[in-house]
Amino acid sequence: TCKNTALELLKGKVSDSMSYGEFYSVELFEEIKKDINY
């Protein structure tokens, strides 16, 4: 977390690894569930 956050802030280099929020992408799947009436 320290390394990837620092690289993004100091060099604008975004990590290819997923963060916690990106991995689970809650809003995306909520949208899908709502669209298909899961």
PDB file of all heavy atoms in Angstrom:
ATOM      1  N   THR A   1       0.830  -1.211   0.000  1.00  0.00           N
ATOM      2  CA  THR A   1       0.000   0.000   0.000  1.00  0.00           C
ATOM      3  C   THR A   1       0.860   1.255   0.000  1.00  0.00           C
ATOM      4  O   THR A   1       0.601   2.204  -0.751  1.00  0.00           O
ATOM      5  CB  THR A   1      -0.951  -0.004   1.213  1.00  0.00           C
ATOM      6  OG1 THR A   1      -1.797  -1.165   1.138  1.00  0.00           O
ATOM      7  CG2 THR A   1      -1.820   1.245   1.239  1.00  0.00           C
ATOM      8  N   CYS A   2       1.903   1.266   0.842  1.00  0.00           N
ATOM      9  CA  CYS A   2       2.807   2.425   0.878  1.00  0.00           C
ATOM     10  C   CYS A   2       3.482   2.638  -0.479  1.00  0.00           C
ATOM     11  O   CYS A   2       3.509   3.762  -1.007  1.00  0.00           O
ATOM     12  CB  CYS A   2       3.875   2.233   1.956  1.00  0.00           C
ATOM     13  SG  CYS A   2       3.279   2.354   3.644  1.00  0.00           S
ATOM     14  N   LYS A   3       4.015   1.574  -1.041  1.00  0.00           N
ATOM     15  CA  LYS A   3       4.759   1.677  -2.298  1.00  0.00           C
ATOM     16  C   LYS A   3       3.859   2.132  -3.444  1.00  0.00           C
ATOM     17  O   LYS A   3       4.190   3.087  -4.171  1.00  0.00           O
ATOM     18  CB  LYS A   3       5.376   0.319  -2.634  1.00  0.00           C
ATOM     19  CG  LYS A   3       6.102   0.291  -3.970  1.00  0.00           C
ATOM     20  CD  LYS A   3       6.524  -1.123  -4.346  1.00  0.00           C
ATOM     21  CE  LYS A   3       7.094  -1.157  -5.757  1.00  0.00           C
ATOM     22  NZ  LYS A   3       7.440  -2.527  -6.193  1.00  0.00           N
ATOM     23  N   ASN A   4       2.728   1.478  -3.633  1.00  0.00           N
ATOM     24  CA  ASN A   4       1.868   1.795  -4.781  1.00  0.00           C
ATOM     25  C   ASN A   4       1.229   3.174  -4.642  1.00  0.00           C
ATOM     26  O   ASN A   4       1.065   3.882  -5.634  1.00  0.00           O
ATOM     27  CB  ASN A   4       0.780   0.727  -4.929  1.00  0.00           C
ATOM     28  CG  ASN A   4       1.349  -0.607  -5.381  1.00  0.00           C
ATOM     29  OD1 ASN A   4       2.382  -0.665  -6.039  1.00  0.00           O
ATOM     30  ND2 ASN A   4       0.698  -1.697  -5.012  1.00  0.00           N
ATOM     31  N   THR A   5       0.896   3.556  -3.411  1.00  0.00           N
ATOM     32  CA  THR A   5       0.333   4.892  -3.191  1.00  0.00           C
ATOM     33  C   THR A   5       1.381   5.959  -3.470  1.00  0.00           C
ATOM     34  O   THR A   5       1.091   6.991  -4.104  1.00  0.00           O
ATOM     35  CB  THR A   5      -0.192   5.025  -1.752  1.00  0.00           C
ATOM     36  OG1 THR A   5      -1.159   4.000  -1.503  1.00  0.00           O
ATOM     37  CG2 THR A   5      -0.842   6.378  -1.535  1.00  0.00           C
ATOM     38  N   ALA A   6       2.616   5.736  -3.008  1.00  0.00           N
ATOM     39  CA  ALA A   6       3.691   6.701  -3.230  1.00  0.00           C
ATOM     40  C   ALA A   6       4.014   6.839  -4.720  1.00  0.00           C
ATOM     41  O   ALA A   6       4.207   7.953  -5.225  1.00  0.00           O
ATOM     42  CB  ALA A   6       4.935   6.275  -2.462  1.00  0.00           C
ATOM     43  N   LEU A   7       4.076   5.715  -5.430  1.00  0.00           N
ATOM     44  CA  LEU A   7       4.361   5.765  -6.862  1.00  0.00           C
ATOM     45  C   LEU A   7       3.284   6.532  -7.619  1.00  0.00           C
ATOM     46  O   LEU A   7       3.574   7.292  -8.553  1.00  0.00           O
ATOM     47  CB  LEU A   7       4.478   4.346  -7.425  1.00  0.00           C
ATOM     48  CG  LEU A   7       5.758   3.575  -7.077  1.00  0.00           C
ATOM     49  CD1 LEU A   7       5.674   2.135  -7.559  1.00  0.00           C
ATOM     50  CD2 LEU A   7       6.978   4.265  -7.693  1.00  0.00           C
ATOM     51  N   GLU A   8       2.049   6.354  -7.201  1.00  0.00           N
ATOM     52  CA  GLU A   8       0.955   7.059  -7.873  1.00  0.00           C
ATOM     53  C   GLU A   8       1.010   8.561  -7.605  1.00  0.00           C
ATOM     54  O   GLU A   8       0.801   9.376  -8.504  1.00  0.00           O
ATOM     55  CB  GLU A   8      -0.387   6.485  -7.402  1.00  0.00           C
ATOM     56  CG  GLU A   8      -1.579   7.034  -8.165  1.00  0.00           C
ATOM     57  CD  GLU A   8      -2.881   6.337  -7.811  1.00  0.00           C
ATOM     58  OE1 GLU A   8      -2.828   5.298  -7.121  1.00  0.00           O
ATOM     59  OE2 GLU A   8      -3.933   6.846  -8.214  1.00  0.00           O
ATOM     60  N   LEU A   9       1.317   8.937  -6.361  1.00  0.00           N
ATOM     61  CA  LEU A   9       1.351  10.350  -5.994  1.00  0.00           C
ATOM     62  C   LEU A   9       2.576  11.062  -6.559  1.00  0.00           C
ATOM     63  O   LEU A   9       2.480  12.184  -7.065  1.00  0.00           O
ATOM     64  CB  LEU A   9       1.344  10.488  -4.471  1.00  0.00           C
ATOM     65  CG  LEU A   9       0.025  10.187  -3.751  1.00  0.00           C
ATOM     66  CD1 LEU A   9       0.227  10.219  -2.251  1.00  0.00           C
ATOM     67  CD2 LEU A   9      -1.043  11.204  -4.154  1.00  0.00           C
ATOM     68  N   LEU A  10       3.735  10.410  -6.469  1.00  0.00           N
ATOM     69  CA  LEU A  10       4.984  11.072  -6.820  1.00  0.00           C
ATOM     70  C   LEU A  10       5.333  10.974  -8.298  1.00  0.00           C
ATOM     71  O   LEU A  10       5.939  11.886  -8.862  1.00  0.00           O
ATOM     72  CB  LEU A  10       6.132  10.491  -5.988  1.00  0.00           C
ATOM     73  CG  LEU A  10       5.982  10.629  -4.457  1.00  0.00           C
ATOM     74  CD1 LEU A  10       7.137   9.933  -3.748  1.00  0.00           C
ATOM     75  CD2 LEU A  10       5.914  12.098  -4.059  1.00  0.00           C
ATOM     76  N   LYS A  11       4.962   9.852  -8.926  1.00  0.00           N
ATOM     77  CA  LYS A  11       5.347   9.634 -10.323  1.00  0.00           C
ATOM     78  C   LYS A  11       4.162   9.457 -11.262  1.00  0.00           C
ATOM     79  O   LYS A  11       4.343   9.315 -12.466  1.00  0.00           O
ATOM     80  CB  LYS A  11       6.262   8.408 -10.422  1.00  0.00           C
ATOM     81  CG  LYS A  11       7.602   8.590  -9.709  1.00  0.00           C
ATOM     82  CD  LYS A  11       8.525   7.407  -9.986  1.00  0.00           C
ATOM     83  CE  LYS A  11       9.893   7.629  -9.367  1.00  0.00           C
ATOM     84  NZ  LYS A  11      10.817   6.503  -9.665  1.00  0.00           N
ATOM     85  N   GLY A  12       2.955   9.455 -10.697  1.00  0.00           N
ATOM     86  CA  GLY A  12       1.772   9.247 -11.528  1.00  0.00           C
ATOM     87  C   GLY A  12       1.683   7.843 -12.093  1.00  0.00           C
ATOM     88  O   GLY A  12       0.967   7.605 -13.073  1.00  0.00           O
ATOM     89  N   LYS A  13       2.420   6.921 -11.503  1.00  0.00           N
ATOM     90  CA  LYS A  13       2.447   5.538 -11.983  1.00  0.00           C
ATOM     91  C   LYS A  13       1.401   4.716 -11.241  1.00  0.00           C
ATOM     92  O   LYS A  13       1.519   4.488 -10.040  1.00  0.00           O
ATOM     93  CB  LYS A  13       3.835   4.932 -11.765  1.00  0.00           C
ATOM     94  CG  LYS A  13       3.985   3.530 -12.334  1.00  0.00           C
ATOM     95  CD  LYS A  13       5.404   3.008 -12.101  1.00  0.00           C
ATOM     96  CE  LYS A  13       5.554   1.585 -12.630  1.00  0.00           C
ATOM     97  NZ  LYS A  13       6.919   1.045 -12.389  1.00  0.00           N
ATOM     98  N   VAL A  14       0.368   4.296 -11.943  1.00  0.00           N
ATOM     99  CA  VAL A  14      -0.720   3.525 -11.332  1.00  0.00           C
ATOM    100  C   VAL A  14      -0.372   2.042 -11.384  1.00  0.00           C
ATOM    101  O   VAL A  14       0.016   1.513 -12.429  1.00  0.00           O
ATOM    102  CB  VAL A  14      -2.054   3.785 -12.058  1.00  0.00           C
ATOM    103  CG1 VAL A  14      -3.169   2.960 -11.425  1.00  0.00           C
ATOM    104  CG2 VAL A  14      -2.400   5.273 -11.999  1.00  0.00           C
ATOM    105  N   SER A  15      -0.521   1.372 -10.256  1.00  0.00           N
ATOM    106  CA  SER A  15      -0.178  -0.046 -10.168  1.00  0.00           C
ATOM    107  C   SER A  15      -1.121  -0.894 -11.014  1.00  0.00           C
ATOM    108  O   SER A  15      -2.312  -0.600 -11.136  1.00  0.00           O
ATOM    109  CB  SER A  15      -0.243  -0.503  -8.709  1.00  0.00           C
ATOM    110  OG  SER A  15      -0.051  -1.899  -8.617  1.00  0.00           O
ATOM    111  N   ASP A  16      -0.566  -1.950 -11.580  1.00  0.00           N
ATOM    112  CA  ASP A  16      -1.384  -2.901 -12.321  1.00  0.00           C
ATOM    113  C   ASP A  16      -2.158  -3.817 -11.372  1.00  0.00           C
ATOM    114  O   ASP A  16      -3.149  -4.426 -11.753  1.00  0.00           O
ATOM    115  CB  ASP A  16      -0.489  -3.741 -13.236  1.00  0.00           C
ATOM    116  CG  ASP A  16      -1.292  -4.580 -14.222  1.00  0.00           C
ATOM    117  OD1 ASP A  16      -2.261  -4.052 -14.810  1.00  0.00           O
ATOM    118  OD2 ASP A  16      -0.960  -5.770 -14.382  1.00  0.00           O
ATOM    119  N   SER A  17      -1.690  -3.908 -10.123  1.00  0.00           N
ATOM    120  CA  SER A  17      -2.388  -4.729  -9.127  1.00  0.00           C
ATOM    121  C   SER A  17      -3.704  -4.063  -8.739  1.00  0.00           C
ATOM    122  O   SER A  17      -3.847  -2.844  -8.801  1.00  0.00           O
ATOM    123  CB  SER A  17      -1.525  -4.898  -7.876  1.00  0.00           C
ATOM    124  OG  SER A  17      -0.311  -5.541  -8.179  1.00  0.00           O
ATOM    125  N   MET A  18      -4.661  -4.873  -8.338  1.00  0.00           N
ATOM    126  CA  MET A  18      -5.947  -4.347  -7.895  1.00  0.00           C
ATOM    127  C   MET A  18      -5.908  -4.009  -6.407  1.00  0.00           C
ATOM    128  O   MET A  18      -5.329  -4.753  -5.611  1.00  0.00           O
ATOM    129  CB  MET A  18      -7.059  -5.369  -8.121  1.00  0.00           C
ATOM    130  CG  MET A  18      -7.350  -5.692  -9.561  1.00  0.00           C
ATOM    131  SD  MET A  18      -8.741  -6.852  -9.657  1.00  0.00           S
ATOM    132  CE  MET A  18      -8.628  -7.367 -11.379  1.00  0.00           C
ATOM    133  N   SER A  19      -6.543  -2.918  -6.066  1.00  0.00           N
ATOM    134  CA  SER A  19      -6.729  -2.589  -4.661  1.00  0.00           C
ATOM    135  C   SER A  19      -7.903  -3.401  -4.117  1.00  0.00           C
ATOM    136  O   SER A  19      -8.610  -4.092  -4.861  1.00  0.00           O
ATOM    137  CB  SER A  19      -7.013  -1.097  -4.499  1.00  0.00           C
ATOM    138  OG  SER A  19      -8.289  -0.783  -5.067  1.00  0.00           O
ATOM    139  N   TYR A  20      -8.121  -3.303  -2.812  1.00  0.00           N
ATOM    140  CA  TYR A  20      -9.240  -4.000  -2.173  1.00  0.00           C
ATOM    141  C   TYR A  20     -10.559  -3.628  -2.850  1.00  0.00           C
ATOM    142  O   TYR A  20     -11.345  -4.498  -3.247  1.00  0.00           O
ATOM    143  CB  TYR A  20      -9.277  -3.639  -0.686  1.00  0.00           C
ATOM    144  CG  TYR A  20     -10.381  -4.309   0.110  1.00  0.00           C
ATOM    145  CD1 TYR A  20     -10.111  -5.428   0.879  1.00  0.00           C
ATOM    146  CD2 TYR A  20     -11.683  -3.809   0.120  1.00  0.00           C
ATOM    147  CE1 TYR A  20     -11.105  -6.049   1.630  1.00  0.00           C
ATOM    148  CE2 TYR A  20     -12.687  -4.420   0.860  1.00  0.00           C
ATOM    149  CZ  TYR A  20     -12.395  -5.535   1.611  1.00  0.00           C
ATOM    150  OH  TYR A  20     -13.388  -6.137   2.350  1.00  0.00           O
ATOM    151  N   GLY A  21     -10.793  -2.331  -3.007  1.00  0.00           N
ATOM    152  CA  GLY A  21     -12.052  -1.876  -3.598  1.00  0.00           C
ATOM    153  C   GLY A  21     -12.191  -2.284  -5.051  1.00  0.00           C
ATOM    154  O   GLY A  21     -13.283  -2.648  -5.504  1.00  0.00           O
ATOM    155  N   GLU A  22     -11.090  -2.234  -5.792  1.00  0.00           N
ATOM    156  CA  GLU A  22     -11.128  -2.623  -7.198  1.00  0.00           C
ATOM    157  C   GLU A  22     -11.393  -4.123  -7.347  1.00  0.00           C
ATOM    158  O   GLU A  22     -12.131  -4.540  -8.240  1.00  0.00           O
ATOM    159  CB  GLU A  22      -9.803  -2.253  -7.867  1.00  0.00           C
ATOM    160  CG  GLU A  22      -9.600  -0.752  -8.009  1.00  0.00           C
ATOM    161  CD  GLU A  22      -8.165  -0.382  -8.329  1.00  0.00           C
ATOM    162  OE1 GLU A  22      -7.269  -1.260  -8.258  1.00  0.00           O
ATOM    163  OE2 GLU A  22      -7.923   0.805  -8.621  1.00  0.00           O
ATOM    164  N   PHE A  23     -10.781  -4.915  -6.485  1.00  0.00           N
ATOM    165  CA  PHE A  23     -10.933  -6.357  -6.577  1.00  0.00           C
ATOM    166  C   PHE A  23     -12.402  -6.768  -6.458  1.00  0.00           C
ATOM    167  O   PHE A  23     -12.898  -7.583  -7.237  1.00  0.00           O
ATOM    168  CB  PHE A  23     -10.101  -7.044  -5.489  1.00  0.00           C
ATOM    169  CG  PHE A  23     -10.181  -8.549  -5.510  1.00  0.00           C
ATOM    170  CD1 PHE A  23      -9.477  -9.287  -6.445  1.00  0.00           C
ATOM    171  CD2 PHE A  23     -10.965  -9.232  -4.593  1.00  0.00           C
ATOM    172  CE1 PHE A  23      -9.546 -10.672  -6.473  1.00  0.00           C
ATOM    173  CE2 PHE A  23     -11.046 -10.618  -4.603  1.00  0.00           C
ATOM    174  CZ  PHE A  23     -10.336 -11.339  -5.547  1.00  0.00           C
ATOM    175  N   TYR A  24     -13.107  -6.192  -5.493  1.00  0.00           N
ATOM    176  CA  TYR A  24     -14.501  -6.582  -5.273  1.00  0.00           C
ATOM    177  C   TYR A  24     -15.493  -5.752  -6.103  1.00  0.00           C
ATOM    178  O   TYR A  24     -16.598  -6.224  -6.382  1.00  0.00           O
ATOM    179  CB  TYR A  24     -14.853  -6.484  -3.789  1.00  0.00           C
ATOM    180  CG  TYR A  24     -14.202  -7.562  -2.944  1.00  0.00           C
ATOM    181  CD1 TYR A  24     -13.386  -7.231  -1.869  1.00  0.00           C
ATOM    182  CD2 TYR A  24     -14.384  -8.907  -3.227  1.00  0.00           C
ATOM    183  CE1 TYR A  24     -12.793  -8.217  -1.086  1.00  0.00           C
ATOM    184  CE2 TYR A  24     -13.796  -9.904  -2.458  1.00  0.00           C
ATOM    185  CZ  TYR A  24     -12.997  -9.546  -1.385  1.00  0.00           C
ATOM    186  OH  TYR A  24     -12.410 -10.527  -0.619  1.00  0.00           O
ATOM    187  N   SER A  25     -15.104  -4.527  -6.497  1.00  0.00           N
ATOM    188  CA  SER A  25     -15.932  -3.688  -7.389  1.00  0.00           C
ATOM    189  C   SER A  25     -17.425  -3.757  -7.051  1.00  0.00           C
ATOM    190  O   SER A  25     -18.266  -4.122  -7.883  1.00  0.00           O
ATOM    191  CB  SER A  25     -15.695  -4.095  -8.854  1.00  0.00           C
ATOM    192  OG  SER A  25     -14.399  -3.763  -9.283  1.00  0.00           O
ATOM    193  N   VAL A  26     -17.747  -3.389  -5.832  1.00  0.00           N
ATOM    194  CA  VAL A  26     -19.117  -3.541  -5.317  1.00  0.00           C
ATOM    195  C   VAL A  26     -20.137  -2.791  -6.167  1.00  0.00           C
ATOM    196  O   VAL A  26     -21.212  -3.326  -6.509  1.00  0.00           O
ATOM    197  CB  VAL A  26     -19.182  -3.067  -3.846  1.00  0.00           C
ATOM    198  CG1 VAL A  26     -20.628  -3.017  -3.366  1.00  0.00           C
ATOM    199  CG2 VAL A  26     -18.359  -4.005  -2.963  1.00  0.00           C
ATOM    200  N   GLU A  27     -19.823  -1.557  -6.547  1.00  0.00           N
ATOM    201  CA  GLU A  27     -20.800  -0.749  -7.297  1.00  0.00           C
ATOM    202  C   GLU A  27     -21.107  -1.362  -8.657  1.00  0.00           C
ATOM    203  O   GLU A  27     -22.259  -1.330  -9.119  1.00  0.00           O
ATOM    204  CB  GLU A  27     -20.277   0.680  -7.451  1.00  0.00           C
ATOM    205  CG  GLU A  27     -20.213   1.448  -6.133  1.00  0.00           C
ATOM    206  CD  GLU A  27     -19.688   2.850  -6.317  1.00  0.00           C
ATOM    207  OE1 GLU A  27     -19.189   3.173  -7.422  1.00  0.00           O
ATOM    208  OE2 GLU A  27     -19.766   3.642  -5.355  1.00  0.00           O
ATOM    209  N   LEU A  28     -20.105  -1.930  -9.298  1.00  0.00           N
ATOM    210  CA  LEU A  28     -20.317  -2.563 -10.604  1.00  0.00           C
ATOM    211  C   LEU A  28     -21.284  -3.741 -10.477  1.00  0.00           C
ATOM    212  O   LEU A  28     -22.238  -3.865 -11.274  1.00  0.00           O
ATOM    213  CB  LEU A  28     -18.979  -3.045 -11.183  1.00  0.00           C
ATOM    214  CG  LEU A  28     -19.064  -3.905 -12.453  1.00  0.00           C
ATOM    215  CD1 LEU A  28     -19.689  -3.117 -13.596  1.00  0.00           C
ATOM    216  CD2 LEU A  28     -17.678  -4.433 -12.834  1.00  0.00           C
ATOM    217  N   PHE A  29     -21.079  -4.583  -9.497  1.00  0.00           N
ATOM    218  CA  PHE A  29     -21.930  -5.769  -9.365  1.00  0.00           C
ATOM    219  C   PHE A  29     -23.322  -5.425  -8.841  1.00  0.00           C
ATOM    220  O   PHE A  29     -24.297  -6.113  -9.169  1.00  0.00           O
ATOM    221  CB  PHE A  29     -21.229  -6.822  -8.508  1.00  0.00           C
ATOM    222  CG  PHE A  29     -20.120  -7.504  -9.231  1.00  0.00           C
ATOM    223  CD1 PHE A  29     -18.803  -7.067  -9.098  1.00  0.00           C
ATOM    224  CD2 PHE A  29     -20.386  -8.555 -10.101  1.00  0.00           C
ATOM    225  CE1 PHE A  29     -17.778  -7.674  -9.801  1.00  0.00           C
ATOM    226  CE2 PHE A  29     -19.361  -9.170 -10.811  1.00  0.00           C
ATOM    227  CZ  PHE A  29     -18.052  -8.727 -10.662  1.00  0.00           C
ATOM    228  N   GLU A  30     -23.414  -4.354  -8.073  1.00  0.00           N
ATOM    229  CA  GLU A  30     -24.746  -3.886  -7.666  1.00  0.00           C
ATOM    230  C   GLU A  30     -25.530  -3.421  -8.888  1.00  0.00           C
ATOM    231  O   GLU A  30     -26.732  -3.666  -9.005  1.00  0.00           O
ATOM    232  CB  GLU A  30     -24.622  -2.760  -6.639  1.00  0.00           C
ATOM    233  CG  GLU A  30     -24.267  -3.222  -5.236  1.00  0.00           C
ATOM    234  CD  GLU A  30     -25.284  -4.206  -4.674  1.00  0.00           C
ATOM    235  OE1 GLU A  30     -26.501  -3.936  -4.774  1.00  0.00           O
ATOM    236  OE2 GLU A  30     -24.864  -5.260  -4.149  1.00  0.00           O
ATOM    237  N   GLU A  31     -24.828  -2.769  -9.802  1.00  0.00           N
ATOM    238  CA  GLU A  31     -25.463  -2.310 -11.042  1.00  0.00           C
ATOM    239  C   GLU A  31     -25.947  -3.498 -11.871  1.00  0.00           C
ATOM    240  O   GLU A  31     -27.072  -3.495 -12.406  1.00  0.00           O
ATOM    241  CB  GLU A  31     -24.459  -1.478 -11.846  1.00  0.00           C
ATOM    242  CG  GLU A  31     -24.982  -0.990 -13.187  1.00  0.00           C
ATOM    243  CD  GLU A  31     -23.907  -0.295 -14.002  1.00  0.00           C
ATOM    244  OE1 GLU A  31     -23.112   0.468 -13.408  1.00  0.00           O
ATOM    245  OE2 GLU A  31     -23.844  -0.541 -15.221  1.00  0.00           O
ATOM    246  N   ILE A  32     -25.108  -4.525 -11.977  1.00  0.00           N
ATOM    247  CA  ILE A  32     -25.489  -5.716 -12.744  1.00  0.00           C
ATOM    248  C   ILE A  32     -26.696  -6.397 -12.111  1.00  0.00           C
ATOM    249  O   ILE A  32     -27.666  -6.760 -12.802  1.00  0.00           O
ATOM    250  CB  ILE A  32     -24.304  -6.704 -12.838  1.00  0.00           C
ATOM    251  CG1 ILE A  32     -23.130  -6.074 -13.589  1.00  0.00           C
ATOM    252  CG2 ILE A  32     -24.743  -7.999 -13.515  1.00  0.00           C
ATOM    253  CD1 ILE A  32     -21.856  -6.913 -13.571  1.00  0.00           C
ATOM    254  N   LYS A  33     -26.666  -6.581 -10.808  1.00  0.00           N
ATOM    255  CA  LYS A  33     -27.765  -7.255 -10.106  1.00  0.00           C
ATOM    256  C   LYS A  33     -29.080  -6.487 -10.285  1.00  0.00           C
ATOM    257  O   LYS A  33     -30.144  -7.078 -10.494  1.00  0.00           O
ATOM    258  CB  LYS A  33     -27.435  -7.385  -8.614  1.00  0.00           C
ATOM    259  CG  LYS A  33     -26.377  -8.444  -8.320  1.00  0.00           C
ATOM    260  CD  LYS A  33     -25.741  -8.268  -6.958  1.00  0.00           C
ATOM    261  CE  LYS A  33     -26.741  -8.420  -5.838  1.00  0.00           C
ATOM    262  NZ  LYS A  33     -26.094  -8.271  -4.509  1.00  0.00           N
ATOM    263  N   LYS A  34     -28.967  -5.181 -10.228  1.00  0.00           N
ATOM    264  CA  LYS A  34     -30.172  -4.363 -10.396  1.00  0.00           C
ATOM    265  C   LYS A  34     -30.694  -4.470 -11.827  1.00  0.00           C
ATOM    266  O   LYS A  34     -31.908  -4.560 -12.062  1.00  0.00           O
ATOM    267  CB  LYS A  34     -29.861  -2.909 -10.049  1.00  0.00           C
ATOM    268  CG  LYS A  34     -31.059  -1.988 -10.106  1.00  0.00           C
ATOM    269  CD  LYS A  34     -30.678  -0.563  -9.691  1.00  0.00           C
ATOM    270  CE  LYS A  34     -31.880   0.370  -9.779  1.00  0.00           C
ATOM    271  NZ  LYS A  34     -31.512   1.772  -9.401  1.00  0.00           N
ATOM    272  N   ASP A  35     -29.781  -4.486 -12.788  1.00  0.00           N
ATOM    273  CA  ASP A  35     -30.186  -4.510 -14.193  1.00  0.00           C
ATOM    274  C   ASP A  35     -30.894  -5.811 -14.562  1.00  0.00           C
ATOM    275  O   ASP A  35     -31.832  -5.818 -15.358  1.00  0.00           O
ATOM    276  CB  ASP A  35     -28.951  -4.315 -15.079  1.00  0.00           C
ATOM    277  CG  ASP A  35     -29.310  -4.180 -16.552  1.00  0.00           C
ATOM    278  OD1 ASP A  35     -30.052  -3.235 -16.894  1.00  0.00           O
ATOM    279  OD2 ASP A  35     -28.870  -5.034 -17.348  1.00  0.00           O
ATOM    280  N   ILE A  36     -30.447  -6.928 -13.990  1.00  0.00           N
ATOM    281  CA  ILE A  36     -31.038  -8.229 -14.346  1.00  0.00           C
ATOM    282  C   ILE A  36     -32.083  -8.680 -13.322  1.00  0.00           C
ATOM    283  O   ILE A  36     -32.619  -9.785 -13.424  1.00  0.00           O
ATOM    284  CB  ILE A  36     -29.951  -9.319 -14.491  1.00  0.00           C
ATOM    285  CG1 ILE A  36     -29.242  -9.563 -13.156  1.00  0.00           C
ATOM    286  CG2 ILE A  36     -28.970  -8.953 -15.588  1.00  0.00           C
ATOM    287  CD1 ILE A  36     -28.236 -10.720 -13.188  1.00  0.00           C
ATOM    288  N   ASN A  37     -32.332  -7.811 -12.326  1.00  0.00           N
ATOM    289  CA  ASN A  37     -33.263  -8.174 -11.248  1.00  0.00           C
ATOM    290  C   ASN A  37     -32.854  -9.511 -10.633  1.00  0.00           C
ATOM    291  O   ASN A  37     -33.632 -10.464 -10.555  1.00  0.00           O
ATOM    292  CB  ASN A  37     -34.703  -8.251 -11.784  1.00  0.00           C
ATOM    293  CG  ASN A  37     -35.729  -8.400 -10.657  1.00  0.00           C
ATOM    294  OD1 ASN A  37     -35.493  -7.950  -9.521  1.00  0.00           O
ATOM    295  ND2 ASN A  37     -36.844  -9.037 -10.946  1.00  0.00           N
ATOM    296  N   TYR A  38     -31.615  -9.546 -10.184  1.00  0.00           N
ATOM    297  CA  TYR A  38     -31.024 -10.786  -9.678  1.00  0.00           C
ATOM    298  C   TYR A  38     -31.811 -11.331  -8.487  1.00  0.00           C
ATOM    299  O   TYR A  38     -32.095 -10.607  -7.535  1.00  0.00           O
ATOM    300  CB  TYR A  38     -29.563 -10.550  -9.285  1.00  0.00           C
ATOM    301  CG  TYR A  38     -28.887 -11.784  -8.735  1.00  0.00           C
ATOM    302  CD1 TYR A  38     -28.541 -12.834  -9.570  1.00  0.00           C
ATOM    303  CD2 TYR A  38     -28.635 -11.901  -7.369  1.00  0.00           C
ATOM    304  CE1 TYR A  38     -27.943 -13.975  -9.070  1.00  0.00           C
ATOM    305  CE2 TYR A  38     -28.032 -13.039  -6.858  1.00  0.00           C
ATOM    306  CZ  TYR A  38     -27.690 -14.069  -7.714  1.00  0.00           C
ATOM    307  OH  TYR A  38     -27.119 -15.210  -7.209  1.00  0.00           O
TER     308      TYR A  38
END
